[in-house]
C-alpha atoms as a PDB file:
ATOM      1  CA  MET A   1      -8.829 -15.649 -20.185  1.00  0.00           C
ATOM      2  CA  GLY A   2      -9.005 -19.490 -19.420  1.00  0.00           C
ATOM      3  CA  ASP A   3      -5.686 -19.533 -18.543  1.00  0.00           C
ATOM      4  CA  ARG A   4      -6.009 -16.445 -16.376  1.00  0.00           C
ATOM      5  CA  VAL A   5      -9.280 -18.238 -14.653  1.00  0.00           C
ATOM      6  CA  SER A   6      -7.195 -21.037 -13.716  1.00  0.00           C
ATOM      7  CA  GLU A   7      -3.952 -19.175 -12.366  1.00  0.00           C
ATOM      8  CA  VAL A   8      -7.026 -17.450 -10.231  1.00  0.00           C
ATOM      9  CA  ARG A   9      -8.088 -20.832  -9.217  1.00  0.00           C
ATOM     10  CA  ALA A  10      -4.929 -22.141  -8.465  1.00  0.00           C
ATOM     11  CA  PHE A  11      -4.441 -19.195  -6.075  1.00  0.00           C
ATOM     12  CA  ASN A  12      -7.216 -19.894  -4.169  1.00  0.00           C
ATOM     13  CA  ARG A  13      -6.463 -23.473  -3.812  1.00  0.00           C
ATOM     14  CA  PHE A  14      -2.983 -22.657  -2.491  1.00  0.00           C
ATOM     15  CA  TYR A  15      -4.102 -19.765  -0.151  1.00  0.00           C
ATOM     16  CA  THR A  16      -7.174 -21.432   1.107  1.00  0.00           C
ATOM     17  CA  GLY A  17      -4.688 -24.990   2.190  1.00  0.00           C
ATOM     18  CA  VAL A  18      -2.453 -21.795   3.679  1.00  0.00           C
ATOM     19  CA  VAL A  19      -4.504 -20.640   5.961  1.00  0.00           C
ATOM     20  CA  GLY A  20      -5.995 -23.934   6.904  1.00  0.00           C
ATOM     21  CA  ALA A  21      -9.570 -23.595   5.429  1.00  0.00           C
ATOM     22  CA  LEU A  22      -9.831 -26.556   3.256  1.00  0.00           C
ATOM     23  CA  GLY A  23     -10.491 -29.101   5.834  1.00  0.00           C
ATOM     24  CA  GLU A  24     -13.566 -30.360   7.499  1.00  0.00           C
ATOM     25  CA  VAL A  25     -12.533 -28.190  10.983  1.00  0.00           C
ATOM     26  CA  HIS A  26     -11.208 -24.833  10.462  1.00  0.00           C
ATOM     27  CA  LEU A  27      -8.028 -23.815  12.676  1.00  0.00           C
ATOM     28  CA  ASP A  28      -7.992 -27.306  14.515  1.00  0.00           C
ATOM     29  CA  THR A  29     -11.346 -26.313  16.608  1.00  0.00           C
ATOM     30  CA  PRO A  30     -14.540 -28.244  16.083  1.00  0.00           C
ATOM     31  CA  TYR A  31     -16.201 -25.448  13.870  1.00  0.00           C
ATOM     32  CA  SER A  32     -16.124 -25.490   9.867  1.00  0.00           C
ATOM     33  CA  LEU A  33     -14.972 -22.246   8.030  1.00  0.00           C
ATOM     34  CA  THR A  34     -18.390 -21.170   7.562  1.00  0.00           C
ATOM     35  CA  GLU A  35     -19.170 -22.210  11.258  1.00  0.00           C
ATOM     36  CA  SER A  36     -16.353 -20.026  12.245  1.00  0.00           C
ATOM     37  CA  ARG A  37     -17.426 -17.093  10.292  1.00  0.00           C
ATOM     38  CA  LEU A  38     -20.760 -17.086  12.201  1.00  0.00           C
ATOM     39  CA  ILE A  39     -19.442 -16.872  15.248  1.00  0.00           C
ATOM     40  CA  PHE A  40     -16.839 -14.292  14.413  1.00  0.00           C
ATOM     41  CA  GLU A  41     -19.935 -12.037  13.065  1.00  0.00           C
ATOM     42  CA  LEU A  42     -22.180 -13.024  16.260  1.00  0.00           C
ATOM     43  CA  ALA A  43     -19.238 -11.559  18.569  1.00  0.00           C
ATOM     44  CA  GLN A  44     -19.285  -8.350  16.970  1.00  0.00           C
ATOM     45  CA  ARG A  45     -22.220  -7.271  18.460  1.00  0.00           C
ATOM     46  CA  GLU A  46     -24.421  -7.803  21.359  1.00  0.00           C
ATOM     47  CA  SER A  47     -27.306  -9.473  19.129  1.00  0.00           C
ATOM     48  CA  VAL A  48     -27.518  -9.718  15.210  1.00  0.00           C
ATOM     49  CA  PRO A  49     -30.845  -9.860  13.726  1.00  0.00           C
ATOM     50  CA  VAL A  50     -31.267 -12.782  11.280  1.00  0.00           C
ATOM     51  CA  PRO A  51     -31.522 -11.450   7.940  1.00  0.00           C
ATOM     52  CA  GLU A  52     -28.633  -9.479   8.670  1.00  0.00           C
ATOM     53  CA  LEU A  53     -26.513 -12.684   9.295  1.00  0.00           C
ATOM     54  CA  ARG A  54     -28.147 -14.099   5.782  1.00  0.00           C
ATOM     55  CA  ARG A  55     -26.879 -10.815   3.726  1.00  0.00           C
ATOM     56  CA  GLY A  56     -23.568 -10.941   5.365  1.00  0.00           C
ATOM     57  CA  LEU A  57     -22.773 -14.154   5.399  1.00  0.00           C
ATOM     58  CA  ASP A  58     -24.338 -14.844   2.246  1.00  0.00           C
ATOM     59  CA  LEU A  59     -25.788 -18.137   3.210  1.00  0.00           C
ATOM     60  CA  ASP A  60     -28.831 -19.830   2.477  1.00  0.00           C
ATOM     61  CA  ALA A  61     -31.805 -19.304   4.944  1.00  0.00           C
ATOM     62  CA  GLY A  62     -32.499 -23.185   5.438  1.00  0.00           C
ATOM     63  CA  TYR A  63     -28.537 -23.687   5.699  1.00  0.00           C
ATOM     64  CA  LEU A  64     -28.147 -20.444   8.230  1.00  0.00           C
ATOM     65  CA  SER A  65     -31.229 -22.034  10.368  1.00  0.00           C
ATOM     66  CA  ARG A  66     -29.705 -25.260  10.770  1.00  0.00           C
ATOM     67  CA  LEU A  67     -26.310 -24.217  11.813  1.00  0.00           C
ATOM     68  CA  LEU A  68     -28.088 -21.796  14.362  1.00  0.00           C
ATOM     69  CA  ALA A  69     -29.990 -24.925  15.214  1.00  0.00           C
ATOM     70  CA  ARG A  70     -27.058 -26.617  15.909  1.00  0.00           C
ATOM     71  CA  PHE A  71     -25.540 -24.044  18.405  1.00  0.00           C
ATOM     72  CA  GLU A  72     -28.688 -23.423  20.266  1.00  0.00           C
ATOM     73  CA  ALA A  73     -28.713 -27.059  20.768  1.00  0.00           C
ATOM     74  CA  ASP A  74     -24.268 -27.293  22.193  1.00  0.00           C
ATOM     75  CA  GLY A  75     -25.614 -23.702  24.177  1.00  0.00           C
ATOM     76  CA  LEU A  76     -23.376 -21.146  22.286  1.00  0.00           C
ATOM     77  CA  VAL A  77     -26.207 -18.939  21.068  1.00  0.00           C
ATOM     78  CA  ALA A  78     -29.689 -17.706  21.889  1.00  0.00           C
ATOM     79  CA  ARG A  79     -32.341 -17.145  19.417  1.00  0.00           C
ATOM     80  CA  GLN A  80     -35.378 -14.950  20.383  1.00  0.00           C
ATOM     81  CA  ARG A  81     -37.905 -12.367  18.624  1.00  0.00           C
ATOM     82  CA  ASP A  82     -36.700  -9.048  18.272  1.00  0.00           C
ATOM     83  CA  GLU A  83     -38.447  -5.980  20.401  1.00  0.00           C
ATOM     84  CA  GLN A  84     -38.211  -3.702  17.631  1.00  0.00           C
ATOM     85  CA  ASP A  85     -39.811  -6.532  15.116  1.00  0.00           C
ATOM     86  CA  ALA A  86     -41.531  -9.491  16.030  1.00  0.00           C
ATOM     87  CA  ARG A  87     -41.604 -10.795  12.995  1.00  0.00           C
ATOM     88  CA  ARG A  88     -37.982 -11.745  12.934  1.00  0.00           C
ATOM     89  CA  GLN A  89     -35.471 -13.355  15.069  1.00  0.00           C
ATOM     90  CA  VAL A  90     -31.781 -11.964  16.784  1.00  0.00           C
ATOM     91  CA  VAL A  91     -29.483 -14.016  17.559  1.00  0.00           C
ATOM     92  CA  ARG A  92     -26.919 -13.182  20.759  1.00  0.00           C
ATOM     93  CA  LEU A  93     -23.289 -15.236  21.972  1.00  0.00           C
ATOM     94  CA  LEU A  94     -23.546 -16.719  25.196  1.00  0.00           C
ATOM     95  CA  GLY A  95     -20.621 -17.674  27.201  1.00  0.00           C
ATOM     96  CA  PRO A  96     -19.615 -20.548  25.531  1.00  0.00           C
ATOM     97  CA  GLY A  97     -20.265 -18.961  22.278  1.00  0.00           C
ATOM     98  CA  HIS A  98     -17.939 -16.318  23.233  1.00  0.00           C
ATOM     99  CA  GLU A  99     -15.234 -19.205  24.289  1.00  0.00           C
ATOM    100  CA  ALA A 100     -15.268 -20.599  20.844  1.00  0.00           C
ATOM    101  CA  HIS A 101     -15.090 -17.249  19.576  1.00  0.00           C
ATOM    102  CA  ASP A 102     -11.719 -16.369  21.828  1.00  0.00           C
ATOM    103  CA  LEU A 103     -10.633 -19.834  20.948  1.00  0.00           C
ATOM    104  CA  LEU A 104     -10.487 -19.082  17.177  1.00  0.00           C
ATOM    105  CA  GLU A 105      -9.374 -15.599  17.777  1.00  0.00           C
ATOM    106  CA  GLU A 106      -6.093 -17.120  19.309  1.00  0.00           C
ATOM    107  CA  ARG A 107      -5.699 -19.821  16.965  1.00  0.00           C
ATOM    108  CA  THR A 108      -6.004 -17.233  13.790  1.00  0.00           C
ATOM    109  CA  VAL A 109      -3.734 -15.090  15.410  1.00  0.00           C
ATOM    110  CA  ASP A 110      -1.157 -17.749  15.834  1.00  0.00           C
ATOM    111  CA  ARG A 111      -1.374 -19.214  12.524  1.00  0.00           C
ATOM    112  CA  VAL A 112      -1.025 -15.706  10.621  1.00  0.00           C
ATOM    113  CA  GLY A 113       1.811 -15.275  13.322  1.00  0.00           C
ATOM    114  CA  ALA A 114       3.743 -18.298  12.523  1.00  0.00           C
ATOM    115  CA  LEU A 115       3.129 -17.219   8.556  1.00  0.00           C
ATOM    116  CA  LEU A 116       4.777 -14.006   9.005  1.00  0.00           C
ATOM    117  CA  ALA A 117       7.615 -15.351  11.555  1.00  0.00           C
ATOM    118  CA  ASP A 118       8.974 -17.087   8.275  1.00  0.00           C
ATOM    119  CA  LEU A 119       9.275 -13.975   6.221  1.00  0.00           C
ATOM    120  CA  SER A 120      11.773 -10.594   6.409  1.00  0.00           C
ATOM    121  CA  GLU A 121      10.593  -7.570   7.083  1.00  0.00           C
ATOM    122  CA  GLU A 122      10.583  -6.696   3.574  1.00  0.00           C
ATOM    123  CA  GLU A 123       8.934  -9.940   2.399  1.00  0.00           C
ATOM    124  CA  GLN A 124       6.232  -8.970   5.099  1.00  0.00           C
ATOM    125  CA  ARG A 125       5.471  -5.377   3.612  1.00  0.00           C
ATOM    126  CA  GLU A 126       5.477  -7.030   0.211  1.00  0.00           C
ATOM    127  CA  LEU A 127       2.953  -9.551   1.350  1.00  0.00           C
ATOM    128  CA  LEU A 128       0.732  -6.992   3.083  1.00  0.00           C
ATOM    129  CA  GLY A 129       1.084  -4.783   0.292  1.00  0.00           C
ATOM    130  CA  ALA A 130      -0.102  -7.646  -2.409  1.00  0.00           C
ATOM    131  CA  MET A 131      -3.023  -8.180   0.377  1.00  0.00           C
ATOM    132  CA  ALA A 132      -3.912  -4.818  -0.182  1.00  0.00           C
ATOM    133  CA  ARG A 133      -3.889  -4.291  -3.792  1.00  0.00           C
ATOM    134  CA  ILE A 134      -5.928  -7.367  -4.619  1.00  0.00           C
ATOM    135  CA  GLN A 135      -8.459  -5.871  -1.949  1.00  0.00           C
ATOM    136  CA  ARG A 136      -8.347  -2.650  -3.493  1.00  0.00           C
ATOM    137  CA  LEU A 137      -8.517  -4.096  -7.240  1.00  0.00           C
ATOM    138  CA  LEU A 138     -11.092  -6.570  -6.434  1.00  0.00           C
ATOM    139  CA  GLY A 139     -13.390  -4.419  -4.286  1.00  0.00           C
ATOM    140  CA  GLY A 140     -14.920  -2.667  -7.268  1.00  0.00           C
ATOM    141  CA  GLY A 141     -13.004   0.454  -6.796  1.00  0.00           C
ATOM    142  CA  HIS A 142     -14.863   1.445  -3.298  1.00  0.00           C
ATOM    143  CA  ARG A 143     -11.743   1.993  -1.240  1.00  0.00           C
ATOM    144  CA  ALA A 144      -9.297   4.416  -3.218  1.00  0.00           C
ATOM    145  CA  ALA A 145      -5.431   3.616  -3.036  1.00  0.00           C
ATOM    146  CA  GLY A 146      -3.729   5.454  -0.548  1.00  0.00           C
ATOM    147  CA  TYR A 147       0.207   6.529  -0.255  1.00  0.00           C
ATOM    148  CA  VAL A 148       2.698   7.137   2.536  1.00  0.00           C
ATOM    149  CA  LEU A 149       5.739   9.124   2.578  1.00  0.00           C
ATOM    150  CA  ARG A 150       8.721   7.810   4.887  1.00  0.00           C
ATOM    151  CA  ALA A 151      12.096   8.165   5.090  1.00  0.00           C
ATOM    152  CA  PRO A 152      14.702   6.240   3.060  1.00  0.00           C
ATOM    153  CA  ARG A 153      15.691   2.745   4.605  1.00  0.00           C
ATOM    154  CA  PRO A 154      18.797   0.495   3.515  1.00  0.00           C
ATOM    155  CA  GLY A 155      18.404  -0.503   0.294  1.00  0.00           C
ATOM    156  CA  ASP A 156      15.963   2.193  -1.089  1.00  0.00           C
ATOM    157  CA  LEU A 157      18.754   4.091  -2.691  1.00  0.00           C
ATOM    158  CA  GLY A 158      19.274   1.299  -5.049  1.00  0.00           C
ATOM    159  CA  TRP A 159      15.975   1.218  -5.895  1.00  0.00           C
ATOM    160  CA  VAL A 160      15.825   4.816  -6.786  1.00  0.00           C
ATOM    161  CA  VAL A 161      18.531   4.143  -9.153  1.00  0.00           C
ATOM    162  CA  HIS A 162      17.289   0.833 -10.632  1.00  0.00           C
ATOM    163  CA  ARG A 163      13.480   2.524 -11.172  1.00  0.00           C
ATOM    164  CA  HIS A 164      15.073   5.510 -12.501  1.00  0.00           C
ATOM    165  CA  GLY A 165      17.306   3.522 -15.037  1.00  0.00           C
ATOM    166  CA  VAL A 166      14.208   1.383 -16.197  1.00  0.00           C
ATOM    167  CA  ARG A 167      11.572   4.097 -16.379  1.00  0.00           C
ATOM    168  CA  TYR A 168      13.460   6.743 -18.107  1.00  0.00           C
ATOM    169  CA  ALA A 169      14.688   3.873 -20.475  1.00  0.00           C
ATOM    170  CA  GLU A 170      11.336   2.882 -21.238  1.00  0.00           C
ATOM    171  CA  GLU A 171       9.392   6.076 -21.813  1.00  0.00           C
ATOM    172  CA  TYR A 172      12.410   8.248 -23.105  1.00  0.00           C
ATOM    173  CA  GLY A 173      15.249   5.844 -24.810  1.00  0.00           C
ATOM    174  CA  TRP A 174      17.723   7.676 -22.433  1.00  0.00           C
ATOM    175  CA  ASP A 175      20.568   5.038 -21.992  1.00  0.00           C
ATOM    176  CA  GLU A 176      22.791   3.785 -19.239  1.00  0.00           C
ATOM    177  CA  ARG A 177      24.491   6.996 -19.098  1.00  0.00           C
ATOM    178  CA  PHE A 178      21.891   8.634 -17.385  1.00  0.00           C
ATOM    179  CA  GLU A 179      21.281   5.705 -14.916  1.00  0.00           C
ATOM    180  CA  ALA A 180      24.925   6.277 -14.118  1.00  0.00           C
ATOM    181  CA  MET A 181      24.274   9.640 -13.428  1.00  0.00           C
ATOM    182  CA  VAL A 182      21.538   9.050 -11.111  1.00  0.00           C
ATOM    183  CA  ALA A 183      23.828   6.462  -9.121  1.00  0.00           C
ATOM    184  CA  ARG A 184      26.298   9.315  -8.721  1.00  0.00           C
ATOM    185  CA  ILE A 185      23.639  11.488  -7.270  1.00  0.00           C
ATOM    186  CA  ALA A 186      22.553   8.901  -4.920  1.00  0.00           C
ATOM    187  CA  ALA A 187      25.846   8.034  -3.850  1.00  0.00           C
ATOM    188  CA  ASP A 188      26.701  11.588  -3.327  1.00  0.00           C
ATOM    189  CA  TYR A 189      23.568  11.822  -0.964  1.00  0.00           C
ATOM    190  CA  LEU A 190      24.735   9.032   1.128  1.00  0.00           C
ATOM    191  CA  THR A 191      28.392  10.062   1.484  1.00  0.00           C
ATOM    192  CA  GLY A 192      27.726  13.632   2.182  1.00  0.00           C
ATOM    193  CA  PHE A 193      24.158  13.312   3.970  1.00  0.00           C
ATOM    194  CA  ASP A 194      24.081  15.901   6.788  1.00  0.00           C
ATOM    195  CA  PRO A 195      20.707  15.903   8.424  1.00  0.00           C
ATOM    196  CA  ARG A 196      20.492  19.242   9.107  1.00  0.00           C
ATOM    197  CA  ARG A 197      20.407  20.265   5.453  1.00  0.00           C
ATOM    198  CA  ASP A 198      19.643  16.652   3.566  1.00  0.00           C
ATOM    199  CA  ALA A 199      16.308  14.578   3.699  1.00  0.00           C
ATOM    200  CA  GLY A 200      14.548  12.090   1.259  1.00  0.00           C
ATOM    201  CA  TRP A 201      11.220  10.740   0.850  1.00  0.00           C
ATOM    202  CA  ILE A 202      10.048   7.024  -0.051  1.00  0.00           C
ATOM    203  CA  ALA A 203       6.482   7.289  -1.336  1.00  0.00           C
ATOM    204  CA  GLU A 204       4.506   3.813  -0.512  1.00  0.00           C
ATOM    205  CA  VAL A 205       1.531   2.904  -2.100  1.00  0.00           C
ATOM    206  CA  ASP A 206      -0.268  -0.523  -0.822  1.00  0.00           C
ATOM    207  CA  GLY A 207       3.235  -1.329   1.205  1.00  0.00           C
ATOM    208  CA  GLN A 208       5.069  -1.113  -2.236  1.00  0.00           C
ATOM    209  CA  ARG A 209       7.902   1.840  -3.132  1.00  0.00           C
ATOM    210  CA  ALA A 210       5.758   3.863  -5.825  1.00  0.00           C
ATOM    211  CA  GLY A 211       7.863   7.150  -5.728  1.00  0.00           C
ATOM    212  CA  CYS A 212      10.863   9.096  -4.320  1.00  0.00           C
ATOM    213  CA  VAL A 213      12.289  12.615  -4.140  1.00  0.00           C
ATOM    214  CA  PHE A 214      15.402  14.321  -2.679  1.00  0.00           C
ATOM    215  CA  CYS A 215      16.383  17.497  -0.950  1.00  0.00           C
ATOM    216  CA  VAL A 216      20.328  18.168  -0.924  1.00  0.00           C
ATOM    217  CA  HIS A 217      22.578  21.228  -0.047  1.00  0.00           C
ATOM    218  CA  LYS A 218      24.301  22.688  -3.136  1.00  0.00           C
ATOM    219  CA  ASP A 219      25.417  25.460  -0.894  1.00  0.00           C
ATOM    220  CA  ASP A 220      24.883  26.925   2.312  1.00  0.00           C
ATOM    221  CA  MET A 221      21.833  29.097   1.111  1.00  0.00           C
ATOM    222  CA  THR A 222      20.920  27.027  -1.805  1.00  0.00           C
ATOM    223  CA  ALA A 223      19.165  23.503  -1.804  1.00  0.00           C
ATOM    224  CA  GLN A 224      18.599  21.433  -4.856  1.00  0.00           C
ATOM    225  CA  LEU A 225      15.728  19.142  -5.564  1.00  0.00           C
ATOM    226  CA  ARG A 226      16.727  15.937  -7.066  1.00  0.00           C
ATOM    227  CA  MET A 227      15.263  12.568  -8.191  1.00  0.00           C
ATOM    228  CA  LEU A 228      11.793  12.867  -8.390  1.00  0.00           C
ATOM    229  CA  LEU A 229      10.004   9.649  -9.290  1.00  0.00           C
ATOM    230  CA  VAL A 230       6.490   8.524  -9.631  1.00  0.00           C
ATOM    231  CA  GLU A 231       5.830   5.319 -10.769  1.00  0.00           C
ATOM    232  CA  PRO A 232       3.351   4.917 -13.678  1.00  0.00           C
ATOM    233  CA  ALA A 233       0.598   2.679 -11.355  1.00  0.00           C
ATOM    234  CA  ALA A 234       0.876   5.547  -9.125  1.00  0.00           C
ATOM    235  CA  ARG A 235       0.302   8.453 -11.094  1.00  0.00           C
ATOM    236  CA  GLY A 236      -2.874  10.822 -10.788  1.00  0.00           C
ATOM    237  CA  MET A 237      -3.166  10.294  -7.225  1.00  0.00           C
ATOM    238  CA  GLY A 238      -1.430  13.812  -6.665  1.00  0.00           C
ATOM    239  CA  LEU A 239       1.634  12.223  -5.453  1.00  0.00           C
ATOM    240  CA  GLY A 240       4.392  13.944  -7.098  1.00  0.00           C
ATOM    241  CA  SER A 241       3.039  17.220  -6.309  1.00  0.00           C
ATOM    242  CA  ARG A 242       2.924  16.154  -2.611  1.00  0.00           C
ATOM    243  CA  LEU A 243       6.715  14.922  -2.522  1.00  0.00           C
ATOM    244  CA  VAL A 244       7.457  18.195  -4.271  1.00  0.00           C
ATOM    245  CA  GLU A 245       5.703  20.302  -1.739  1.00  0.00           C
ATOM    246  CA  GLU A 246       7.527  18.190   1.245  1.00  0.00           C
ATOM    247  CA  CYS A 247      10.728  18.721  -0.304  1.00  0.00           C
ATOM    248  CA  VAL A 248      10.263  22.725  -0.491  1.00  0.00           C
ATOM    249  CA  ARG A 249       8.667  22.679   2.979  1.00  0.00           C
ATOM    250  CA  PHE A 250      11.765  21.021   4.339  1.00  0.00           C
ATOM    251  CA  ALA A 251      14.286  23.438   2.543  1.00  0.00           C
ATOM    252  CA  ARG A 252      12.489  26.151   3.988  1.00  0.00           C
ATOM    253  CA  THR A 253      12.660  24.737   7.370  1.00  0.00           C
ATOM    254  CA  ALA A 254      16.436  23.878   6.994  1.00  0.00           C
ATOM    255  CA  GLY A 255      17.146  27.833   6.494  1.00  0.00           C
ATOM    256  CA  TYR A 256      18.009  27.779   2.906  1.00  0.00           C
ATOM    257  CA  ARG A 257      17.135  30.861   0.840  1.00  0.00           C
ATOM    258  CA  ASP A 258      17.013  29.379  -2.565  1.00  0.00           C
ATOM    259  CA  MET A 259      16.161  25.881  -4.183  1.00  0.00           C
ATOM    260  CA  VAL A 260      17.097  24.910  -7.611  1.00  0.00           C
ATOM    261  CA  LEU A 261      16.754  21.974  -9.774  1.00  0.00           C
ATOM    262  CA  TYR A 262      17.659  20.609 -13.050  1.00  0.00           C
ATOM    263  CA  THR A 263      14.927  18.603 -15.339  1.00  0.00           C
ATOM    264  CA  ASP A 264      14.314  17.927 -19.260  1.00  0.00           C
ATOM    265  CA  ASN A 265      12.091  19.689 -21.419  1.00  0.00           C
ATOM    266  CA  SER A 266      10.363  16.412 -22.452  1.00  0.00           C
ATOM    267  CA  LEU A 267       9.305  16.232 -18.640  1.00  0.00           C
ATOM    268  CA  SER A 268       6.327  17.793 -19.666  1.00  0.00           C
ATOM    269  CA  THR A 269       4.297  16.508 -15.849  1.00  0.00           C
ATOM    270  CA  ALA A 270       7.047  17.377 -13.872  1.00  0.00           C
ATOM    271  CA  ARG A 271       7.749  20.548 -15.396  1.00  0.00           C
ATOM    272  CA  HIS A 272       3.906  21.445 -14.631  1.00  0.00           C
ATOM    273  CA  ILE A 273       4.826  20.191 -10.466  1.00  0.00           C
ATOM    274  CA  TYR A 274       7.187  22.324 -10.481  1.00  0.00           C
ATOM    275  CA  GLN A 275       5.196  25.377 -11.580  1.00  0.00           C
ATOM    276  CA  ARG A 276       2.932  24.884  -9.395  1.00  0.00           C
ATOM    277  CA  ALA A 277       5.097  24.450  -6.642  1.00  0.00           C
ATOM    278  CA  GLY A 278       6.835  28.094  -7.205  1.00  0.00           C
ATOM    279  CA  PHE A 279       9.484  27.141  -9.372  1.00  0.00           C
ATOM    280  CA  THR A 280      10.398  28.988 -12.651  1.00  0.00           C
ATOM    281  CA  LEU A 281      12.868  28.653 -15.683  1.00  0.00           C
ATOM    282  CA  VAL A 282      16.093  29.936 -15.848  1.00  0.00           C
ATOM    283  CA  ASP A 283      18.005  28.794 -18.420  1.00  0.00           C
ATOM    284  CA  GLU A 284      17.914  25.776 -21.250  1.00  0.00           C
ATOM    285  CA  TYR A 285      20.045  24.278 -23.505  1.00  0.00           C
ATOM    286  CA  GLU A 286      20.421  20.977 -25.622  1.00  0.00           C
ATOM    287  CA  HIS A 287      22.614  18.543 -24.944  1.00  0.00           C
ATOM    288  CA  ALA A 288      23.168  14.609 -25.795  1.00  0.00           C
ATOM    289  CA  ASP A 289      24.256  13.170 -22.447  1.00  0.00           C
ATOM    290  CA  TYR A 290      22.005   9.958 -22.030  1.00  0.00           C
ATOM    291  CA  GLY A 291      20.422  10.079 -25.613  1.00  0.00           C
ATOM    292  CA  SER A 292      19.500  12.386 -28.577  1.00  0.00           C
ATOM    293  CA  GLY A 293      17.579  15.813 -28.872  1.00  0.00           C
ATOM    294  CA  GLN A 294      17.504  16.671 -25.495  1.00  0.00           C
ATOM    295  CA  VAL A 295      16.655  19.902 -23.730  1.00  0.00           C
ATOM    296  CA  ALA A 296      18.006  20.544 -20.204  1.00  0.00           C
ATOM    297  CA  GLN A 297      16.230  23.021 -18.131  1.00  0.00           C
ATOM    298  CA  ASN A 298      17.343  24.719 -14.634  1.00  0.00           C
ATOM    299  CA  TRP A 299      14.619  25.816 -12.569  1.00  0.00           C
ATOM    300  CA  ALA A 300      14.749  28.001  -9.455  1.00  0.00           C
ATOM    301  CA  MET A 301      12.490  29.637  -6.704  1.00  0.00           C
ATOM    302  CA  THR A 302      13.060  32.124  -3.830  1.00  0.00           C
ATOM    303  CA  LEU A 303      12.448  30.131  -0.392  1.00  0.00           C
END
């Protein structure tokens, strides 16, 4: 645990340095980080009761009082008795206070924009996804992880092949012949792609790729569901069922009469998803195409 605590502290030091929160002033303004947070909170509403400020910013009552006294002397804020409860004070920003907020907002946007400008589009998505994941993990589970489905982009098919190879080797012991088969399916999808008849979906959780599925044309009246995958960290969210639903919906819209898929008897979770979607088992047979003791299954449904 000690090493992990040190790693977290090292990250904290690194990140606060990156965003300019270590110095006595914040973002090259006259205000410290705490003072900047106070100005930001006050700018969100017309007036804020002092107890709410103290709780929201987790500040000592005496310290907050000194900050407000300084702001009041500088003409940034005004304090008065709450009309609803004369026992407490409310605080509101004055014109110079709003100008200070605008300056802080402008400097923040410039600083963050400069950070992002040095990163590629993929690196930006990775960064934002990591930030969202940190918030979710440290937020006590109050915000459930969500996902989005999008069309494949350049590089996604390489990820699909890679993750199939890794996942099925780790979970089922399948060898490199399975990865080679997935690579051929992915290559056929790209070279024979017809937007009227074929489609693919990449699922993202916290900005990171977490699953996929593809609909390809087998013949004029038959679509085939291929390369369904959900990463372990994204399981339990209903993502597999959603991917299959999107695939079936597209096949119907594209005018196919039937839909088929190929799977293995050992993939019990996937088989349950297929059954719920309306697929039925057509036949099965033993094989050793990428391991031993495997039972291939063909499933189909009428659209």
